[in-house]
C-alpha atoms as a PDB file:
ATOM      1  CA  MET A   1     124.641  90.129 109.399  1.00  0.00           C
ATOM      2  CA  ARG A   2     122.167  92.536 108.330  1.00  0.00           C
ATOM      3  CA  VAL A   3     121.065  93.504 105.276  1.00  0.00           C
ATOM      4  CA  LEU A   4     118.077  96.123 103.950  1.00  0.00           C
ATOM      5  CA  PHE A   5     115.418  94.004 102.505  1.00  0.00           C
ATOM      6  CA  ILE A   6     113.167  95.637  99.826  1.00  0.00           C
ATOM      7  CA  ASN A   7     110.446  93.497  98.648  1.00  0.00           C
ATOM      8  CA  ASN A   8     108.394  95.099  96.112  1.00  0.00           C
ATOM      9  CA  ASN A   9     106.081  92.160  95.648  1.00  0.00           C
ATOM     10  CA  GLY A  10     102.226  92.906  95.896  1.00  0.00           C
ATOM     11  CA  ALA A  11     102.311  96.163  98.361  1.00  0.00           C
ATOM     12  CA  GLY A  12     105.867  95.779  98.817  1.00  0.00           C
ATOM     13  CA  TRP A  13     107.735  96.745 102.170  1.00  0.00           C
ATOM     14  CA  ALA A  14     111.283  97.103 103.537  1.00  0.00           C
ATOM     15  CA  ASP A  15     113.076  96.380 106.503  1.00  0.00           C
ATOM     16  CA  TYR A  16     116.236  95.125 108.068  1.00  0.00           C
ATOM     17  CA  VAL A  17     116.767  91.450 108.217  1.00  0.00           C
ATOM     18  CA  ASP A  18     119.721  89.118 109.691  1.00  0.00           C
ATOM     19  CA  VAL A  19     121.442  86.807 107.467  1.00  0.00           C
ATOM     20  CA  PRO A  20     124.361  84.482 107.786  1.00  0.00           C
ATOM     21  CA  SER A  21     127.580  85.227 106.544  1.00  0.00           C
ATOM     22  CA  LEU A  22     128.483  84.313 103.310  1.00  0.00           C
ATOM     23  CA  GLN A  23     125.043  83.657 102.149  1.00  0.00           C
ATOM     24  CA  PRO A  24     124.755  83.891  98.431  1.00  0.00           C
ATOM     25  CA  VAL A  25     121.720  86.121  97.047  1.00  0.00           C
ATOM     26  CA  HIS A  26     120.220  82.963  95.429  1.00  0.00           C
ATOM     27  CA  GLN A  27     120.005  81.300  98.935  1.00  0.00           C
ATOM     28  CA  PHE A  28     118.689  84.458 100.442  1.00  0.00           C
ATOM     29  CA  PHE A  29     115.910  84.303  97.537  1.00  0.00           C
ATOM     30  CA  GLU A  30     115.004  80.717  98.478  1.00  0.00           C
ATOM     31  CA  GLU A  31     114.483  81.688 101.888  1.00  0.00           C
ATOM     32  CA  HIS A  32     112.536  85.006 101.760  1.00  0.00           C
ATOM     33  CA  MET A  33     110.479  84.356  98.784  1.00  0.00           C
ATOM     34  CA  PRO A  34     109.375  80.892  99.199  1.00  0.00           C
ATOM     35  CA  ASP A  35     107.310  79.159  96.657  1.00  0.00           C
ATOM     36  CA  GLN A  36     108.471  81.655  93.915  1.00  0.00           C
ATOM     37  CA  THR A  37     110.559  81.610  90.914  1.00  0.00           C
ATOM     38  CA  PRO A  38     113.669  83.687  90.804  1.00  0.00           C
ATOM     39  CA  GLU A  39     113.017  84.075  86.770  1.00  0.00           C
ATOM     40  CA  ASP A  40     110.133  85.679  87.665  1.00  0.00           C
ATOM     41  CA  TYR A  41     111.935  88.713  89.655  1.00  0.00           C
ATOM     42  CA  LEU A  42     114.611  91.219  89.023  1.00  0.00           C
ATOM     43  CA  ILE A  43     117.206  90.829  91.897  1.00  0.00           C
ATOM     44  CA  ARG A  44     118.903  93.932  92.707  1.00  0.00           C
ATOM     45  CA  VAL A  45     121.943  94.423  95.338  1.00  0.00           C
ATOM     46  CA  ASN A  46     122.831  98.105  96.020  1.00  0.00           C
ATOM     47  CA  ARG A  47     120.675  98.946  93.054  1.00  0.00           C
ATOM     48  CA  GLN A  48     122.848  96.670  90.686  1.00  0.00           C
ATOM     49  CA  PRO A  49     121.773  93.430  89.026  1.00  0.00           C
ATOM     50  CA  VAL A  50     123.833  90.469  90.547  1.00  0.00           C
ATOM     51  CA  PRO A  51     124.656  86.870  89.513  1.00  0.00           C
ATOM     52  CA  PRO A  52     122.646  84.574  92.082  1.00  0.00           C
ATOM     53  CA  THR A  53     126.173  83.524  93.170  1.00  0.00           C
ATOM     54  CA  TYR A  54     127.025  86.820  94.495  1.00  0.00           C
ATOM     55  CA  VAL A  55     127.823  86.937  98.329  1.00  0.00           C
ATOM     56  CA  LEU A  56     126.086  89.162 100.638  1.00  0.00           C
ATOM     57  CA  GLN A  57     128.064  91.546 102.346  1.00  0.00           C
ATOM     58  CA  GLU A  58     126.912  93.472 105.571  1.00  0.00           C
ATOM     59  CA  ASN A  59     124.779  96.480 105.185  1.00  0.00           C
ATOM     60  CA  ASP A  60     124.080  95.621 101.407  1.00  0.00           C
ATOM     61  CA  ARG A  61     120.445  96.525  99.997  1.00  0.00           C
ATOM     62  CA  VAL A  62     118.724  93.626  98.485  1.00  0.00           C
ATOM     63  CA  THR A  63     115.828  94.521  96.284  1.00  0.00           C
ATOM     64  CA  ILE A  64     113.066  92.284  94.801  1.00  0.00           C
ATOM     65  CA  THR A  65     111.016  93.238  92.007  1.00  0.00           C
ATOM     66  CA  PRO A  66     108.235  91.174  90.154  1.00  0.00           C
ATOM     67  CA  VAL A  67     109.475  91.213  86.317  1.00  0.00           C
ATOM     68  CA  LYS A  68     105.482  91.279  85.534  1.00  0.00           C
ATOM     69  CA  ILE A  69     103.026  92.827  87.773  1.00  0.00           C
ATOM     70  CA  HIS A  70      99.890  90.516  87.955  1.00  0.00           C
ATOM     71  CA  GLY A  71      96.792  92.056  86.641  1.00  0.00           C
ATOM     72  CA  GLY A  72      98.456  94.702  84.980  1.00  0.00           C
ATOM     73  CA  ILE A  73      98.401  95.871  81.141  1.00  0.00           C
ATOM     74  CA  GLY A  74     101.132  94.166  78.883  1.00  0.00           C
END
């Protein structure tokens, strides 16, 4: 199945990606953000925060945004 993945890390990008049926969002994060820590990101599906166990559905919109911008003030 396909979901829209919006990656706001660094320069950011968006594209449709294929994922297996019944994939939880934490597994999606591990596969698409290797070597990153989930606690450093806000993970939303269809513009809403979701628990790590949320199971992705066809045409979901997954947005991953860093909590802190490196080099930013604050």
